[in-house]
Amino acid sequence: EVDLVGTAVGPLLVRDVADLVPACAELDPTIAVIA
């Protein structure tokens, strides 16, 4: 959602899901949650 991307939820900024794959390479997550 354009209105959500870039907004803050707690200490984190919402990223564009289009950047999910490269962002995961940076964040190195072990678990993902789909909502």
PDB file of all heavy atoms in Angstrom:
ATOM      1  N   GLU A   1       0.839  -1.194   0.000  1.00  0.00           N
ATOM      2  CA  GLU A   1       0.000   0.000   0.000  1.00  0.00           C
ATOM      3  C   GLU A   1       0.883   1.256   0.000  1.00  0.00           C
ATOM      4  O   GLU A   1       1.730   1.425   0.879  1.00  0.00           O
ATOM      5  CB  GLU A   1      -0.908   0.016   1.222  1.00  0.00           C
ATOM      6  CG  GLU A   1      -2.036  -0.992   1.174  1.00  0.00           C
ATOM      7  CD  GLU A   1      -3.094  -0.642   0.138  1.00  0.00           C
ATOM      8  OE1 GLU A   1      -3.188   0.556  -0.217  1.00  0.00           O
ATOM      9  OE2 GLU A   1      -3.791  -1.557  -0.324  1.00  0.00           O
ATOM     10  N   VAL A   2       0.654   2.108  -0.985  1.00  0.00           N
ATOM     11  CA  VAL A   2       1.473   3.319  -1.103  1.00  0.00           C
ATOM     12  C   VAL A   2       1.401   4.169   0.155  1.00  0.00           C
ATOM     13  O   VAL A   2       2.405   4.758   0.595  1.00  0.00           O
ATOM     14  CB  VAL A   2       1.016   4.140  -2.327  1.00  0.00           C
ATOM     15  CG1 VAL A   2       1.776   5.460  -2.402  1.00  0.00           C
ATOM     16  CG2 VAL A   2       1.195   3.343  -3.613  1.00  0.00           C
ATOM     17  N   ASP A   3       0.218   4.242   0.765  1.00  0.00           N
ATOM     18  CA  ASP A   3       0.046   5.076   1.958  1.00  0.00           C
ATOM     19  C   ASP A   3       0.763   4.506   3.174  1.00  0.00           C
ATOM     20  O   ASP A   3       1.000   5.221   4.150  1.00  0.00           O
ATOM     21  CB  ASP A   3      -1.439   5.238   2.282  1.00  0.00           C
ATOM     22  CG  ASP A   3      -2.189   6.044   1.229  1.00  0.00           C
ATOM     23  OD1 ASP A   3      -1.521   6.770   0.468  1.00  0.00           O
ATOM     24  OD2 ASP A   3      -3.422   5.931   1.161  1.00  0.00           O
ATOM     25  N   LEU A   4       1.086   3.208   3.130  1.00  0.00           N
ATOM     26  CA  LEU A   4       1.749   2.586   4.271  1.00  0.00           C
ATOM     27  C   LEU A   4       3.271   2.565   4.129  1.00  0.00           C
ATOM     28  O   LEU A   4       3.991   2.707   5.120  1.00  0.00           O
ATOM     29  CB  LEU A   4       1.249   1.145   4.450  1.00  0.00           C
ATOM     30  CG  LEU A   4      -0.116   0.951   5.088  1.00  0.00           C
ATOM     31  CD1 LEU A   4      -0.489  -0.531   5.100  1.00  0.00           C
ATOM     32  CD2 LEU A   4      -0.121   1.495   6.515  1.00  0.00           C
ATOM     33  N   VAL A   5       3.755   2.366   2.912  1.00  0.00           N
ATOM     34  CA  VAL A   5       5.198   2.270   2.687  1.00  0.00           C
ATOM     35  C   VAL A   5       5.875   3.563   3.119  1.00  0.00           C
ATOM     36  O   VAL A   5       5.471   4.670   2.745  1.00  0.00           O
ATOM     37  CB  VAL A   5       5.501   1.983   1.202  1.00  0.00           C
ATOM     38  CG1 VAL A   5       7.013   2.025   0.946  1.00  0.00           C
ATOM     39  CG2 VAL A   5       4.933   0.626   0.804  1.00  0.00           C
ATOM     40  N   GLY A   6       6.888   3.417   3.956  1.00  0.00           N
ATOM     41  CA  GLY A   6       7.627   4.568   4.464  1.00  0.00           C
ATOM     42  C   GLY A   6       7.135   5.083   5.797  1.00  0.00           C
ATOM     43  O   GLY A   6       7.787   5.930   6.419  1.00  0.00           O
ATOM     44  N   THR A   7       5.978   4.585   6.263  1.00  0.00           N
ATOM     45  CA  THR A   7       5.470   4.995   7.575  1.00  0.00           C
ATOM     46  C   THR A   7       6.091   4.131   8.668  1.00  0.00           C
ATOM     47  O   THR A   7       6.582   3.026   8.407  1.00  0.00           O
ATOM     48  CB  THR A   7       3.942   4.885   7.645  1.00  0.00           C
ATOM     49  OG1 THR A   7       3.555   3.511   7.469  1.00  0.00           O
ATOM     50  CG2 THR A   7       3.298   5.733   6.563  1.00  0.00           C
ATOM     51  N   ALA A   8       6.048   4.641   9.880  1.00  0.00           N
ATOM     52  CA  ALA A   8       6.660   3.935  11.003  1.00  0.00           C
ATOM     53  C   ALA A   8       5.616   3.147  11.777  1.00  0.00           C
ATOM     54  O   ALA A   8       4.517   3.637  12.039  1.00  0.00           O
ATOM     55  CB  ALA A   8       7.351   4.921  11.934  1.00  0.00           C
ATOM     56  N   VAL A   9       5.977   1.911  12.122  1.00  0.00           N
ATOM     57  CA  VAL A   9       5.201   1.091  13.045  1.00  0.00           C
ATOM     58  C   VAL A   9       6.165   0.712  14.163  1.00  0.00           C
ATOM     59  O   VAL A   9       7.027  -0.134  13.976  1.00  0.00           O
ATOM     60  CB  VAL A   9       4.627  -0.164  12.376  1.00  0.00           C
ATOM     61  CG1 VAL A   9       3.873  -1.007  13.395  1.00  0.00           C
ATOM     62  CG2 VAL A   9       3.706   0.216  11.217  1.00  0.00           C
ATOM     63  N   GLY A  10       6.020   1.378  15.291  1.00  0.00           N
ATOM     64  CA  GLY A  10       7.020   1.203  16.341  1.00  0.00           C
ATOM     65  C   GLY A  10       8.359   1.725  15.852  1.00  0.00           C
ATOM     66  O   GLY A  10       8.434   2.790  15.220  1.00  0.00           O
ATOM     67  N   PRO A  11       9.439   0.981  16.052  1.00  0.00           N
ATOM     68  CA  PRO A  11      10.766   1.452  15.645  1.00  0.00           C
ATOM     69  C   PRO A  11      11.101   1.165  14.185  1.00  0.00           C
ATOM     70  O   PRO A  11      12.161   1.560  13.704  1.00  0.00           O
ATOM     71  CB  PRO A  11      11.699   0.659  16.568  1.00  0.00           C
ATOM     72  CG  PRO A  11      10.974  -0.627  16.789  1.00  0.00           C
ATOM     73  CD  PRO A  11       9.510  -0.269  16.831  1.00  0.00           C
ATOM     74  N   LEU A  12      10.201   0.492  13.452  1.00  0.00           N
ATOM     75  CA  LEU A  12      10.503   0.074  12.082  1.00  0.00           C
ATOM     76  C   LEU A  12       9.695   0.849  11.053  1.00  0.00           C
ATOM     77  O   LEU A  12       8.544   1.224  11.299  1.00  0.00           O
ATOM     78  CB  LEU A  12      10.216  -1.426  11.914  1.00  0.00           C
ATOM     79  CG  LEU A  12      11.039  -2.384  12.769  1.00  0.00           C
ATOM     80  CD1 LEU A  12      10.550  -3.820  12.565  1.00  0.00           C
ATOM     81  CD2 LEU A  12      12.522  -2.284  12.436  1.00  0.00           C
ATOM     82  N   LEU A  13      10.307   1.065   9.882  1.00  0.00           N
ATOM     83  CA  LEU A  13       9.613   1.650   8.754  1.00  0.00           C
ATOM     84  C   LEU A  13       9.079   0.535   7.865  1.00  0.00           C
ATOM     85  O   LEU A  13       9.744  -0.481   7.650  1.00  0.00           O
ATOM     86  CB  LEU A  13      10.553   2.539   7.936  1.00  0.00           C
ATOM     87  CG  LEU A  13      11.063   3.818   8.619  1.00  0.00           C
ATOM     88  CD1 LEU A  13      11.990   4.576   7.676  1.00  0.00           C
ATOM     89  CD2 LEU A  13       9.895   4.711   9.039  1.00  0.00           C
ATOM     90  N   VAL A  14       7.878   0.715   7.346  1.00  0.00           N
ATOM     91  CA  VAL A  14       7.284  -0.259   6.438  1.00  0.00           C
ATOM     92  C   VAL A  14       7.967  -0.139   5.079  1.00  0.00           C
ATOM     93  O   VAL A  14       8.051   0.948   4.506  1.00  0.00           O
ATOM     94  CB  VAL A  14       5.768  -0.033   6.290  1.00  0.00           C
ATOM     95  CG1 VAL A  14       5.185  -1.056   5.312  1.00  0.00           C
ATOM     96  CG2 VAL A  14       5.083  -0.130   7.649  1.00  0.00           C
ATOM     97  N   ARG A  15       8.446  -1.286   4.570  1.00  0.00           N
ATOM     98  CA  ARG A  15       9.117  -1.304   3.269  1.00  0.00           C
ATOM     99  C   ARG A  15       8.161  -1.792   2.189  1.00  0.00           C
ATOM    100  O   ARG A  15       7.172  -2.470   2.465  1.00  0.00           O
ATOM    101  CB  ARG A  15      10.339  -2.227   3.313  1.00  0.00           C
ATOM    102  CG  ARG A  15      11.357  -1.892   4.394  1.00  0.00           C
ATOM    103  CD  ARG A  15      12.605  -2.701   4.175  1.00  0.00           C
ATOM    104  NE  ARG A  15      13.572  -2.552   5.243  1.00  0.00           N
ATOM    105  CZ  ARG A  15      14.872  -2.832   5.129  1.00  0.00           C
ATOM    106  NH1 ARG A  15      15.345  -3.311   3.980  1.00  0.00           N
ATOM    107  NH2 ARG A  15      15.694  -2.674   6.142  1.00  0.00           N
ATOM    108  N   ASP A  16       8.520  -1.470   0.954  1.00  0.00           N
ATOM    109  CA  ASP A  16       7.726  -1.920  -0.189  1.00  0.00           C
ATOM    110  C   ASP A  16       7.956  -3.410  -0.392  1.00  0.00           C
ATOM    111  O   ASP A  16       9.098  -3.878  -0.414  1.00  0.00           O
ATOM    112  CB  ASP A  16       8.146  -1.154  -1.441  1.00  0.00           C
ATOM    113  CG  ASP A  16       7.147  -1.324  -2.579  1.00  0.00           C
ATOM    114  OD1 ASP A  16       6.557  -2.418  -2.713  1.00  0.00           O
ATOM    115  OD2 ASP A  16       6.967  -0.355  -3.340  1.00  0.00           O
ATOM    116  N   VAL A  17       6.856  -4.161  -0.534  1.00  0.00           N
ATOM    117  CA  VAL A  17       6.975  -5.601  -0.714  1.00  0.00           C
ATOM    118  C   VAL A  17       7.726  -5.941  -2.002  1.00  0.00           C
ATOM    119  O   VAL A  17       8.254  -7.048  -2.145  1.00  0.00           O
ATOM    120  CB  VAL A  17       5.579  -6.250  -0.689  1.00  0.00           C
ATOM    121  CG1 VAL A  17       4.837  -6.000  -1.988  1.00  0.00           C
ATOM    122  CG2 VAL A  17       5.665  -7.737  -0.391  1.00  0.00           C
ATOM    123  N   ALA A  18       7.804  -4.998  -2.938  1.00  0.00           N
ATOM    124  CA  ALA A  18       8.565  -5.223  -4.167  1.00  0.00           C
ATOM    125  C   ALA A  18      10.040  -5.429  -3.870  1.00  0.00           C
ATOM    126  O   ALA A  18      10.764  -6.050  -4.663  1.00  0.00           O
ATOM    127  CB  ALA A  18       8.376  -4.050  -5.133  1.00  0.00           C
ATOM    128  N   ASP A  19      10.499  -4.920  -2.736  1.00  0.00           N
ATOM    129  CA  ASP A  19      11.903  -5.051  -2.344  1.00  0.00           C
ATOM    130  C   ASP A  19      12.129  -6.203  -1.372  1.00  0.00           C
ATOM    131  O   ASP A  19      13.168  -6.272  -0.715  1.00  0.00           O
ATOM    132  CB  ASP A  19      12.385  -3.746  -1.695  1.00  0.00           C
ATOM    133  CG  ASP A  19      12.256  -2.553  -2.622  1.00  0.00           C
ATOM    134  OD1 ASP A  19      12.465  -2.733  -3.842  1.00  0.00           O
ATOM    135  OD2 ASP A  19      11.949  -1.442  -2.134  1.00  0.00           O
ATOM    136  N   LEU A  20      11.168  -7.115  -1.275  1.00  0.00           N
ATOM    137  CA  LEU A  20      11.227  -8.170  -0.259  1.00  0.00           C
ATOM    138  C   LEU A  20      12.459  -9.053  -0.401  1.00  0.00           C
ATOM    139  O   LEU A  20      13.143  -9.334   0.591  1.00  0.00           O
ATOM    140  CB  LEU A  20       9.957  -9.023  -0.339  1.00  0.00           C
ATOM    141  CG  LEU A  20       9.832 -10.157   0.680  1.00  0.00           C
ATOM    142  CD1 LEU A  20       9.849  -9.622   2.103  1.00  0.00           C
ATOM    143  CD2 LEU A  20       8.538 -10.947   0.437  1.00  0.00           C
ATOM    144  N   VAL A  21      12.754  -9.503  -1.610  1.00  0.00           N
ATOM    145  CA  VAL A  21      13.863 -10.444  -1.802  1.00  0.00           C
ATOM    146  C   VAL A  21      15.210  -9.800  -1.446  1.00  0.00           C
ATOM    147  O   VAL A  21      15.957 -10.356  -0.625  1.00  0.00           O
ATOM    148  CB  VAL A  21      13.868 -11.011  -3.224  1.00  0.00           C
ATOM    149  CG1 VAL A  21      15.119 -11.873  -3.454  1.00  0.00           C
ATOM    150  CG2 VAL A  21      12.612 -11.849  -3.463  1.00  0.00           C
ATOM    151  N   PRO A  22      15.573  -8.635  -2.010  1.00  0.00           N
ATOM    152  CA  PRO A  22      16.855  -8.035  -1.613  1.00  0.00           C
ATOM    153  C   PRO A  22      16.887  -7.611  -0.146  1.00  0.00           C
ATOM    154  O   PRO A  22      17.942  -7.682   0.501  1.00  0.00           O
ATOM    155  CB  PRO A  22      16.995  -6.826  -2.545  1.00  0.00           C
ATOM    156  CG  PRO A  22      15.615  -6.542  -3.027  1.00  0.00           C
ATOM    157  CD  PRO A  22      14.920  -7.861  -3.083  1.00  0.00           C
ATOM    158  N   ALA A  23      15.743  -7.199   0.396  1.00  0.00           N
ATOM    159  CA  ALA A  23      15.707  -6.788   1.800  1.00  0.00           C
ATOM    160  C   ALA A  23      15.992  -7.975   2.714  1.00  0.00           C
ATOM    161  O   ALA A  23      16.670  -7.831   3.739  1.00  0.00           O
ATOM    162  CB  ALA A  23      14.359  -6.165   2.144  1.00  0.00           C
ATOM    163  N   CYS A  24      15.480  -9.161   2.357  1.00  0.00           N
ATOM    164  CA  CYS A  24      15.735 -10.347   3.177  1.00  0.00           C
ATOM    165  C   CYS A  24      17.215 -10.718   3.149  1.00  0.00           C
ATOM    166  O   CYS A  24      17.750 -11.227   4.142  1.00  0.00           O
ATOM    167  CB  CYS A  24      14.883 -11.518   2.695  1.00  0.00           C
ATOM    168  SG  CYS A  24      13.144 -11.402   3.186  1.00  0.00           S
ATOM    169  N   ALA A  25      17.883 -10.469   2.036  1.00  0.00           N
ATOM    170  CA  ALA A  25      19.327 -10.714   1.969  1.00  0.00           C
ATOM    171  C   ALA A  25      20.059  -9.817   2.964  1.00  0.00           C
ATOM    172  O   ALA A  25      21.078 -10.200   3.552  1.00  0.00           O
ATOM    173  CB  ALA A  25      19.829 -10.479   0.552  1.00  0.00           C
ATOM    174  N   GLU A  26      19.526  -8.615   3.155  1.00  0.00           N
ATOM    175  CA  GLU A  26      20.127  -7.673   4.107  1.00  0.00           C
ATOM    176  C   GLU A  26      19.756  -8.004   5.548  1.00  0.00           C
ATOM    177  O   GLU A  26      20.609  -7.997   6.443  1.00  0.00           O
ATOM    178  CB  GLU A  26      19.641  -6.258   3.784  1.00  0.00           C
ATOM    179  CG  GLU A  26      19.961  -5.222   4.851  1.00  0.00           C
ATOM    180  CD  GLU A  26      19.043  -4.013   4.765  1.00  0.00           C
ATOM    181  OE1 GLU A  26      18.401  -3.796   3.726  1.00  0.00           O
ATOM    182  OE2 GLU A  26      18.967  -3.286   5.776  1.00  0.00           O
ATOM    183  N   LEU A  27      18.493  -8.323   5.792  1.00  0.00           N
ATOM    184  CA  LEU A  27      17.994  -8.527   7.151  1.00  0.00           C
ATOM    185  C   LEU A  27      18.318  -9.908   7.709  1.00  0.00           C
ATOM    186  O   LEU A  27      18.339 -10.106   8.913  1.00  0.00           O
ATOM    187  CB  LEU A  27      16.479  -8.312   7.188  1.00  0.00           C
ATOM    188  CG  LEU A  27      15.995  -6.906   6.818  1.00  0.00           C
ATOM    189  CD1 LEU A  27      14.480  -6.890   6.673  1.00  0.00           C
ATOM    190  CD2 LEU A  27      16.453  -5.895   7.862  1.00  0.00           C
ATOM    191  N   ASP A  28      18.520 -10.888   6.830  1.00  0.00           N
ATOM    192  CA  ASP A  28      18.848 -12.253   7.218  1.00  0.00           C
ATOM    193  C   ASP A  28      17.847 -12.836   8.214  1.00  0.00           C
ATOM    194  O   ASP A  28      18.210 -13.291   9.296  1.00  0.00           O
ATOM    195  CB  ASP A  28      20.259 -12.306   7.809  1.00  0.00           C
ATOM    196  CG  ASP A  28      20.806 -13.731   7.858  1.00  0.00           C
ATOM    197  OD1 ASP A  28      20.320 -14.579   7.083  1.00  0.00           O
ATOM    198  OD2 ASP A  28      21.692 -13.999   8.691  1.00  0.00           O
ATOM    199  N   PRO A  29      16.557 -12.859   7.864  1.00  0.00           N
ATOM    200  CA  PRO A  29      15.553 -13.394   8.787  1.00  0.00           C
ATOM    201  C   PRO A  29      15.588 -14.916   8.839  1.00  0.00           C
ATOM    202  O   PRO A  29      16.033 -15.583   7.896  1.00  0.00           O
ATOM    203  CB  PRO A  29      14.230 -12.907   8.177  1.00  0.00           C
ATOM    204  CG  PRO A  29      14.520 -12.857   6.709  1.00  0.00           C
ATOM    205  CD  PRO A  29      15.951 -12.416   6.591  1.00  0.00           C
ATOM    206  N   THR A  30      15.097 -15.463   9.928  1.00  0.00           N
ATOM    207  CA  THR A  30      14.977 -16.911  10.072  1.00  0.00           C
ATOM    208  C   THR A  30      13.531 -17.382   9.976  1.00  0.00           C
ATOM    209  O   THR A  30      13.277 -18.555   9.740  1.00  0.00           O
ATOM    210  CB  THR A  30      15.555 -17.374  11.419  1.00  0.00           C
ATOM    211  OG1 THR A  30      14.920 -16.648  12.477  1.00  0.00           O
ATOM    212  CG2 THR A  30      17.059 -17.131  11.480  1.00  0.00           C
ATOM    213  N   ILE A  31      12.581 -16.471  10.190  1.00  0.00           N
ATOM    214  CA  ILE A  31      11.160 -16.785  10.137  1.00  0.00           C
ATOM    215  C   ILE A  31      10.431 -15.658   9.429  1.00  0.00           C
ATOM    216  O   ILE A  31      10.780 -14.480   9.595  1.00  0.00           O
ATOM    217  CB  ILE A  31      10.569 -16.986  11.556  1.00  0.00           C
ATOM    218  CG1 ILE A  31      11.174 -18.223  12.228  1.00  0.00           C
ATOM    219  CG2 ILE A  31       9.043 -17.102  11.524  1.00  0.00           C
ATOM    220  CD1 ILE A  31      10.719 -18.416  13.669  1.00  0.00           C
ATOM    221  N   ALA A  32       9.413 -16.020   8.638  1.00  0.00           N
ATOM    222  CA  ALA A  32       8.560 -15.015   8.002  1.00  0.00           C
ATOM    223  C   ALA A  32       7.121 -15.227   8.424  1.00  0.00           C
ATOM    224  O   ALA A  32       6.685 -16.364   8.621  1.00  0.00           O
ATOM    225  CB  ALA A  32       8.673 -15.092   6.481  1.00  0.00           C
ATOM    226  N   VAL A  33       6.379 -14.128   8.551  1.00  0.00           N
ATOM    227  CA  VAL A  33       4.962 -14.175   8.893  1.00  0.00           C
ATOM    228  C   VAL A  33       4.175 -13.518   7.766  1.00  0.00           C
ATOM    229  O   VAL A  33       4.493 -12.411   7.338  1.00  0.00           O
ATOM    230  CB  VAL A  33       4.672 -13.449  10.226  1.00  0.00           C
ATOM    231  CG1 VAL A  33       3.179 -13.467  10.526  1.00  0.00           C
ATOM    232  CG2 VAL A  33       5.449 -14.101  11.365  1.00  0.00           C
ATOM    233  N   ILE A  34       3.157 -14.226   7.268  1.00  0.00           N
ATOM    234  CA  ILE A  34       2.296 -13.713   6.210  1.00  0.00           C
ATOM    235  C   ILE A  34       0.958 -13.311   6.814  1.00  0.00           C
ATOM    236  O   ILE A  34       0.269 -14.127   7.411  1.00  0.00           O
ATOM    237  CB  ILE A  34       2.068 -14.780   5.124  1.00  0.00           C
ATOM    238  CG1 ILE A  34       3.392 -15.150   4.451  1.00  0.00           C
ATOM    239  CG2 ILE A  34       1.070 -14.295   4.094  1.00  0.00           C
ATOM    240  CD1 ILE A  34       3.258 -16.284   3.439  1.00  0.00           C
ATOM    241  N   ALA A  35       0.604 -12.026   6.655  1.00  0.00           N
ATOM    242  CA  ALA A  35      -0.674 -11.517   7.163  1.00  0.00           C
ATOM    243  C   ALA A  35      -1.333 -10.674   6.081  1.00  0.00           C
ATOM    244  O   ALA A  35      -1.701  -9.523   6.308  1.00  0.00           O
ATOM    245  CB  ALA A  35      -0.454 -10.711   8.441  1.00  0.00           C
TER     246      ALA A  35
END
